[in-house]
């Protein structure tokens, strides 16, 4: 017996094709950012496939949000590290 539903990866490719005209309307740097959003969605395609939701856009949006949340956490940790380094050097003995 074969699959009755398209795979999520197939559905994601179809969604990306549906948004192709929108992408073309963006500036070049925005096109790269747009492409990055779909890369985020592809990186979570296995989880999205397990969801098998009738509206695949929900899984796409949650995948993007999840990836952006991970990036925010990473950047926050880097900022905290940089700030603690600056605070450590600035211990009141400024010249």
C-alpha atoms as a PDB file:
ATOM      1  CA  UNK A   1       0.000   0.000   0.000  1.00  0.00           C
ATOM      2  CA  UNK A   2       1.273   3.485  -0.864  1.00  0.00           C
ATOM      3  CA  UNK A   3       1.044   6.768   0.933  1.00  0.00           C
ATOM      4  CA  UNK A   4      -2.274   8.576   0.815  1.00  0.00           C
ATOM      5  CA  UNK A   5      -0.777  11.962   1.707  1.00  0.00           C
ATOM      6  CA  UNK A   6       2.105  13.835   0.139  1.00  0.00           C
ATOM      7  CA  UNK A   7       5.168  14.013   2.346  1.00  0.00           C
ATOM      8  CA  UNK A   8       5.676  17.211   4.279  1.00  0.00           C
ATOM      9  CA  UNK A   9       8.826  17.910   2.267  1.00  0.00           C
ATOM     10  CA  UNK A  10       6.747  17.710  -0.942  1.00  0.00           C
ATOM     11  CA  UNK A  11       4.150  20.009   0.577  1.00  0.00           C
ATOM     12  CA  UNK A  12       6.864  22.434   1.675  1.00  0.00           C
ATOM     13  CA  UNK A  13       8.280  22.537  -1.867  1.00  0.00           C
ATOM     14  CA  UNK A  14       4.786  23.284  -3.177  1.00  0.00           C
ATOM     15  CA  UNK A  15       4.341  26.097  -0.641  1.00  0.00           C
ATOM     16  CA  UNK A  16       7.668  27.585  -1.650  1.00  0.00           C
ATOM     17  CA  UNK A  17       6.576  27.498  -5.292  1.00  0.00           C
ATOM     18  CA  UNK A  18       3.293  29.217  -4.365  1.00  0.00           C
ATOM     19  CA  UNK A  19       5.292  32.041  -2.777  1.00  0.00           C
ATOM     20  CA  UNK A  20       7.721  32.371  -5.726  1.00  0.00           C
ATOM     21  CA  UNK A  21       6.033  35.501  -7.130  1.00  0.00           C
ATOM     22  CA  UNK A  22       6.163  37.157  -3.718  1.00  0.00           C
ATOM     23  CA  UNK A  23       9.853  36.254  -3.432  1.00  0.00           C
ATOM     24  CA  UNK A  24      10.571  37.780  -6.855  1.00  0.00           C
ATOM     25  CA  UNK A  25       8.990  41.027  -5.651  1.00  0.00           C
ATOM     26  CA  UNK A  26      11.450  41.322  -2.765  1.00  0.00           C
ATOM     27  CA  UNK A  27      14.808  43.085  -2.863  1.00  0.00           C
ATOM     28  CA  UNK A  28      17.811  40.777  -3.294  1.00  0.00           C
ATOM     29  CA  UNK A  29      18.843  40.868   0.375  1.00  0.00           C
ATOM     30  CA  UNK A  30      15.247  40.187   1.389  1.00  0.00           C
ATOM     31  CA  UNK A  31      15.112  37.240  -1.031  1.00  0.00           C
ATOM     32  CA  UNK A  32      18.045  35.707   0.843  1.00  0.00           C
ATOM     33  CA  UNK A  33      16.219  36.222   4.140  1.00  0.00           C
ATOM     34  CA  UNK A  34      13.058  34.734   2.647  1.00  0.00           C
ATOM     35  CA  UNK A  35      15.037  31.681   1.494  1.00  0.00           C
ATOM     36  CA  UNK A  36      16.438  31.350   5.009  1.00  0.00           C
ATOM     37  CA  UNK A  37      12.894  31.060   6.389  1.00  0.00           C
ATOM     38  CA  UNK A  38      12.237  28.055   4.185  1.00  0.00           C
ATOM     39  CA  UNK A  39      15.598  26.582   5.214  1.00  0.00           C
ATOM     40  CA  UNK A  40      14.396  26.833   8.823  1.00  0.00           C
ATOM     41  CA  UNK A  41      11.199  25.036   7.868  1.00  0.00           C
ATOM     42  CA  UNK A  42      13.133  22.301   6.046  1.00  0.00           C
ATOM     43  CA  UNK A  43      15.330  21.753   9.097  1.00  0.00           C
ATOM     44  CA  UNK A  44      12.198  20.806  11.079  1.00  0.00           C
ATOM     45  CA  UNK A  45      10.467  18.871   8.292  1.00  0.00           C
ATOM     46  CA  UNK A  46      10.638  15.567  10.164  1.00  0.00           C
ATOM     47  CA  UNK A  47       8.724  16.961  13.141  1.00  0.00           C
ATOM     48  CA  UNK A  48       6.275  18.710  10.813  1.00  0.00           C
ATOM     49  CA  UNK A  49       5.694  15.457   8.973  1.00  0.00           C
ATOM     50  CA  UNK A  50       4.815  13.727  12.239  1.00  0.00           C
ATOM     51  CA  UNK A  51       2.274  16.456  12.955  1.00  0.00           C
ATOM     52  CA  UNK A  52       0.497  15.754   9.650  1.00  0.00           C
ATOM     53  CA  UNK A  53      -1.724  18.813  10.193  1.00  0.00           C
ATOM     54  CA  UNK A  54      -4.307  19.557   7.498  1.00  0.00           C
ATOM     55  CA  UNK A  55      -2.894  23.098   7.213  1.00  0.00           C
ATOM     56  CA  UNK A  56       0.860  22.791   6.549  1.00  0.00           C
ATOM     57  CA  UNK A  57       1.437  26.531   6.966  1.00  0.00           C
ATOM     58  CA  UNK A  58       1.057  26.138  10.751  1.00  0.00           C
ATOM     59  CA  UNK A  59       3.973  23.708  10.907  1.00  0.00           C
ATOM     60  CA  UNK A  60       5.998  25.981   8.631  1.00  0.00           C
ATOM     61  CA  UNK A  61       5.426  29.010  10.874  1.00  0.00           C
ATOM     62  CA  UNK A  62       6.147  27.131  14.099  1.00  0.00           C
ATOM     63  CA  UNK A  63       9.346  25.722  12.568  1.00  0.00           C
ATOM     64  CA  UNK A  64      10.486  29.225  11.638  1.00  0.00           C
ATOM     65  CA  UNK A  65       9.619  30.550  15.104  1.00  0.00           C
ATOM     66  CA  UNK A  66      11.450  27.653  16.755  1.00  0.00           C
ATOM     67  CA  UNK A  67      14.607  28.294  14.739  1.00  0.00           C
ATOM     68  CA  UNK A  68      14.441  32.027  15.425  1.00  0.00           C
ATOM     69  CA  UNK A  69      13.983  31.341  19.145  1.00  0.00           C
ATOM     70  CA  UNK A  70      17.141  29.217  19.111  1.00  0.00           C
ATOM     71  CA  UNK A  71      19.007  32.035  17.383  1.00  0.00           C
ATOM     72  CA  UNK A  72      17.742  34.557  19.951  1.00  0.00           C
ATOM     73  CA  UNK A  73      18.962  32.352  22.796  1.00  0.00           C
ATOM     74  CA  UNK A  74      22.369  31.975  21.155  1.00  0.00           C
ATOM     75  CA  UNK A  75      22.715  35.719  20.570  1.00  0.00           C
ATOM     76  CA  UNK A  76      21.565  36.508  24.123  1.00  0.00           C
ATOM     77  CA  UNK A  77      24.206  34.146  25.513  1.00  0.00           C
ATOM     78  CA  UNK A  78      26.873  35.765  23.342  1.00  0.00           C
ATOM     79  CA  UNK A  79      25.829  39.250  24.475  1.00  0.00           C
ATOM     80  CA  UNK A  80      25.899  38.140  28.106  1.00  0.00           C
ATOM     81  CA  UNK A  81      29.407  36.735  27.625  1.00  0.00           C
ATOM     82  CA  UNK A  82      30.607  39.932  25.978  1.00  0.00           C
ATOM     83  CA  UNK A  83      29.036  42.120  28.640  1.00  0.00           C
ATOM     84  CA  UNK A  84      30.533  40.097  31.467  1.00  0.00           C
ATOM     85  CA  UNK A  85      33.946  40.417  29.791  1.00  0.00           C
ATOM     86  CA  UNK A  86      33.544  44.180  29.559  1.00  0.00           C
ATOM     87  CA  UNK A  87      32.288  44.389  33.152  1.00  0.00           C
ATOM     88  CA  UNK A  88      35.230  42.283  34.340  1.00  0.00           C
ATOM     89  CA  UNK A  89      37.736  44.671  32.782  1.00  0.00           C
ATOM     90  CA  UNK A  90      35.871  47.695  34.049  1.00  0.00           C
ATOM     91  CA  UNK A  91      36.349  47.012  37.775  1.00  0.00           C
ATOM     92  CA  UNK A  92      36.677  50.644  38.809  1.00  0.00           C
ATOM     93  CA  UNK A  93      40.355  50.995  37.911  1.00  0.00           C
ATOM     94  CA  UNK A  94      39.822  53.092  34.810  1.00  0.00           C
ATOM     95  CA  UNK A  95      42.655  55.375  33.791  1.00  0.00           C
END
